[in-house]
Amino acid sequence: MKLKNSSLYYWLANILCLISAAYFFWKVLPCITTAKEIVFATVCILTMVASCICFVLYVDAKRNEKEKIG
C-alpha cells in the first residue's frame, strides 16, 4: 500500500485510541446496564479497533518508505 502522508495515520490512531479509551473507562464501563450503554461500549471498542488498523497502516507505510529509500 502506497501512502504519501503516513504520519496522518499515526496521529489519527493516537487520537482515536485516546478518546475511545478515556470515554470507555470513564463513562461506559462503570454503568453497563442497559442496551444504550452496550451500544456505546461497542462503539468504543470498534473505535479502538479502528485505531489499531490505522496504526498498522502507519507501520506498513513507514516500512514501505524505508524500503523505497534504502
Protein backbone atom coordinates (compact mmCIF):
# COMPACT_ATOMS: atom_id res chain seq x y z
CA MET A 1 0.00 0.00 0.00
CA LYS A 2 1.49 3.32 -1.06
CA LEU A 3 0.72 6.29 1.16
CA LYS A 4 2.06 9.81 0.80
CA ASN A 5 1.39 11.07 4.32
CA SER A 6 1.87 8.16 6.69
CA SER A 7 2.04 10.37 9.79
CA LEU A 8 -1.67 11.14 9.30
CA TYR A 9 -2.48 7.53 10.19
CA TYR A 10 -0.21 7.71 13.22
CA TRP A 11 -1.94 10.78 14.66
CA LEU A 12 -5.39 9.51 13.74
CA ALA A 13 -4.67 6.25 15.54
CA ASN A 14 -3.42 8.04 18.65
CA ILE A 15 -6.35 10.44 18.83
CA LEU A 16 -8.98 7.75 18.23
CA CYS A 17 -7.45 5.44 20.80
CA LEU A 18 -7.16 8.11 23.49
CA ILE A 19 -10.70 9.38 23.02
CA SER A 20 -12.33 5.97 22.91
CA ALA A 21 -10.32 4.56 25.81
CA ALA A 22 -10.98 7.58 28.00
CA TYR A 23 -14.69 7.54 27.27
CA PHE A 24 -14.90 3.78 27.69
CA PHE A 25 -13.24 3.65 31.10
CA TRP A 26 -14.73 6.89 32.44
CA LYS A 27 -18.36 6.70 31.31
CA VAL A 28 -19.26 3.33 29.83
CA LEU A 29 -17.56 0.61 31.86
CA PRO A 30 -18.91 1.61 35.31
CA CYS A 31 -22.54 1.64 34.21
CA ILE A 32 -23.20 -1.01 31.57
CA THR A 33 -26.77 -1.89 32.48
CA THR A 34 -28.99 -1.05 29.51
CA ALA A 35 -28.87 -1.56 25.78
CA LYS A 36 -27.81 2.06 25.30
CA GLU A 37 -24.63 1.54 27.32
CA ILE A 38 -23.92 -1.70 25.46
CA VAL A 39 -24.14 0.21 22.17
CA PHE A 40 -21.75 2.88 23.48
CA ALA A 41 -19.34 0.20 24.69
CA THR A 42 -19.47 -1.47 21.29
CA VAL A 43 -18.78 1.83 19.54
CA CYS A 44 -15.80 2.48 21.83
CA ILE A 45 -14.40 -0.98 21.20
CA LEU A 46 -14.86 -0.58 17.44
CA THR A 47 -13.10 2.79 17.62
CA MET A 48 -10.18 1.16 19.40
CA VAL A 49 -10.07 -1.50 16.67
CA ALA A 50 -10.12 1.24 14.01
CA SER A 51 -7.20 2.95 15.74
CA CYS A 52 -5.28 -0.33 15.68
CA ILE A 53 -5.94 -0.63 11.95
CA CYS A 54 -4.70 2.95 11.43
CA PHE A 55 -1.56 2.15 13.40
CA VAL A 56 -0.93 -0.96 11.28
CA LEU A 57 -1.35 1.15 8.14
CA TYR A 58 1.13 3.66 9.56
CA VAL A 59 3.72 0.98 10.31
CA ASP A 60 3.25 -0.55 6.86
CA ALA A 61 3.62 2.85 5.18
CA LYS A 62 6.78 3.61 7.16
CA ARG A 63 8.26 0.24 6.20
CA ASN A 64 7.46 0.90 2.53
CA GLU A 65 9.07 4.35 2.76
CA LYS A 66 12.24 2.84 4.23
CA GLU A 67 12.35 0.16 1.51
CA LYS A 68 11.90 2.84 -1.15
CA ILE A 69 14.74 4.96 0.25
CA GLY A 70 17.12 2.11 1.04
